Amino acid sequence: MAGGISIHAVDVATGRPAQGLRVEIWRLYPDSQRIADGRIGANGALDHAVAQGADVTAGEYEVLFHLGEFFGERDGFLTVTPFRFRIKNVDEHFHLPLKFTSWGYLLFRGA
């Protein structure tokens, strides 16, 4: 798949996809604009046009994972987990897997 930003999230404590986790994707530079806002589906992925490259241009981005909402305010330690990155070549695909528990997380650029 060429272009786009795809998100995949798994709660590793339960071994299940993070169905219902709210995710926002913001382009920060050269202009500040939210380009995606949605929830992780039953397959663990964010189903949004941004995964096919909609509104993705060269610049700096931030993905916000709303883990506090996912776990509930009384059960969660983490609130909102940010991930900032830069896109220089819009023809490249950026797959961003999130592996997490209520106490920590791992984010990286996947294949």
Protein backbone atom coordinates (compact mmCIF):
# COMPACT_ATOMS: atom_id res chain seq x y z
CA MET A 1 0.00 0.00 0.00
CA ALA A 2 1.52 3.34 -1.01
CA GLY A 3 0.83 6.52 0.92
CA GLY A 4 -1.33 7.03 3.97
CA ILE A 5 -1.20 6.53 7.71
CA SER A 6 -2.63 3.33 9.15
CA ILE A 7 -3.15 2.63 12.85
CA HIS A 8 -3.36 -0.76 14.58
CA ALA A 9 -3.85 -1.04 18.35
CA VAL A 10 -3.77 -4.06 20.68
CA ASP A 11 -4.27 -4.26 24.45
CA VAL A 12 -1.48 -6.75 25.18
CA ALA A 13 -2.71 -7.40 28.73
CA THR A 14 -5.83 -9.04 27.28
CA GLY A 15 -4.36 -10.02 23.91
CA ARG A 16 -7.29 -8.34 22.14
CA PRO A 17 -7.66 -5.58 19.58
CA ALA A 18 -8.38 -2.21 21.20
CA GLN A 19 -11.92 -1.98 19.86
CA GLY A 20 -13.43 1.40 20.72
CA LEU A 21 -10.13 3.20 21.42
CA ARG A 22 -10.43 6.78 20.16
CA VAL A 23 -7.62 7.97 17.88
CA GLU A 24 -6.96 11.44 16.44
CA ILE A 25 -4.42 12.27 13.75
CA TRP A 26 -3.23 15.87 13.47
CA ARG A 27 -1.00 17.50 10.90
CA LEU A 28 1.00 20.01 12.96
CA TYR A 29 3.21 21.59 10.31
CA PRO A 30 3.02 23.40 7.94
CA ASP A 31 -0.56 23.97 9.12
CA SER A 32 -2.40 22.68 12.17
CA GLN A 33 -5.36 20.54 11.15
CA ARG A 34 -7.02 17.40 12.50
CA ILE A 35 -7.18 15.01 9.55
CA ALA A 36 -8.71 11.98 11.30
CA ASP A 37 -10.82 11.24 14.37
CA GLY A 38 -12.27 7.79 14.89
CA ARG A 39 -12.34 4.59 16.91
CA ILE A 40 -10.46 1.35 16.52
CA GLY A 41 -12.65 -1.39 15.06
CA ALA A 42 -13.05 -5.05 16.02
CA ASN A 43 -10.06 -5.91 13.80
CA GLY A 44 -7.79 -3.55 15.78
CA ALA A 45 -7.47 -1.01 12.94
CA LEU A 46 -8.65 2.55 12.44
CA ASP A 47 -10.95 2.50 9.42
CA HIS A 48 -10.44 5.97 7.94
CA ALA A 49 -9.61 7.44 4.52
CA VAL A 50 -6.28 8.70 5.91
CA ALA A 51 -5.04 5.09 5.63
CA GLN A 52 -5.32 5.43 1.84
CA GLY A 53 -3.58 8.82 1.87
CA ALA A 54 -6.51 11.25 2.18
CA ASP A 55 -5.27 14.65 3.46
CA VAL A 56 -1.70 13.35 3.95
CA THR A 57 0.93 15.84 2.82
CA ALA A 58 4.58 16.38 3.72
CA GLY A 59 4.95 17.74 7.24
CA GLU A 60 4.95 16.96 10.94
CA TYR A 61 2.16 14.85 12.47
CA GLU A 62 0.87 13.78 15.85
CA VAL A 63 -1.36 10.83 16.65
CA LEU A 64 -3.28 10.99 19.94
CA PHE A 65 -4.38 7.71 21.53
CA HIS A 66 -7.09 8.32 24.16
CA LEU A 67 -6.13 5.52 26.56
CA GLY A 68 -7.75 7.20 29.59
CA GLU A 69 -11.14 7.02 27.89
CA PHE A 70 -10.48 3.41 26.84
CA PHE A 71 -9.70 2.19 30.35
CA GLY A 72 -12.01 4.55 32.21
CA GLU A 73 -10.76 7.37 34.38
CA ARG A 74 -10.68 5.40 37.65
CA ASP A 75 -8.88 2.36 36.18
CA GLY A 76 -6.36 4.06 33.95
CA PHE A 77 -2.91 5.45 34.63
CA LEU A 78 -2.32 6.84 31.13
CA THR A 79 -4.52 9.63 29.78
CA VAL A 80 -3.65 10.62 26.21
CA THR A 81 -0.61 9.06 24.56
CA PRO A 82 0.95 11.20 21.78
CA PHE A 83 3.16 10.01 18.93
CA ARG A 84 4.91 12.64 16.76
CA PHE A 85 6.59 11.92 13.46
CA ARG A 86 7.56 13.52 10.16
CA ILE A 87 6.50 12.61 6.63
CA LYS A 88 8.85 13.68 3.85
CA ASN A 89 7.73 11.33 1.08
CA VAL A 90 3.92 11.14 0.80
CA ASP A 91 4.22 8.08 -1.46
CA GLU A 92 5.49 6.02 1.50
CA HIS A 93 2.97 4.28 3.74
CA PHE A 94 3.24 4.87 7.48
CA HIS A 95 1.90 1.98 9.56
CA LEU A 96 1.83 2.85 13.26
CA PRO A 97 1.17 -0.09 15.60
CA LEU A 98 0.36 0.61 19.25
CA LYS A 99 0.84 -2.13 21.84
CA PHE A 100 -0.27 -1.14 25.34
CA THR A 101 -1.48 -2.02 28.82
CA SER A 102 -3.06 0.29 31.39
CA TRP A 103 0.48 1.08 32.63
CA GLY A 104 2.60 1.50 29.52
CA TYR A 105 2.85 1.41 25.75
CA LEU A 106 5.07 0.76 22.75
CA LEU A 107 4.75 2.76 19.52
CA PHE A 108 6.81 2.36 16.37
CA ARG A 109 6.70 2.56 12.60
CA GLY A 110 5.79 -0.87 11.34
CA ALA A 111 5.91 -2.47 7.93
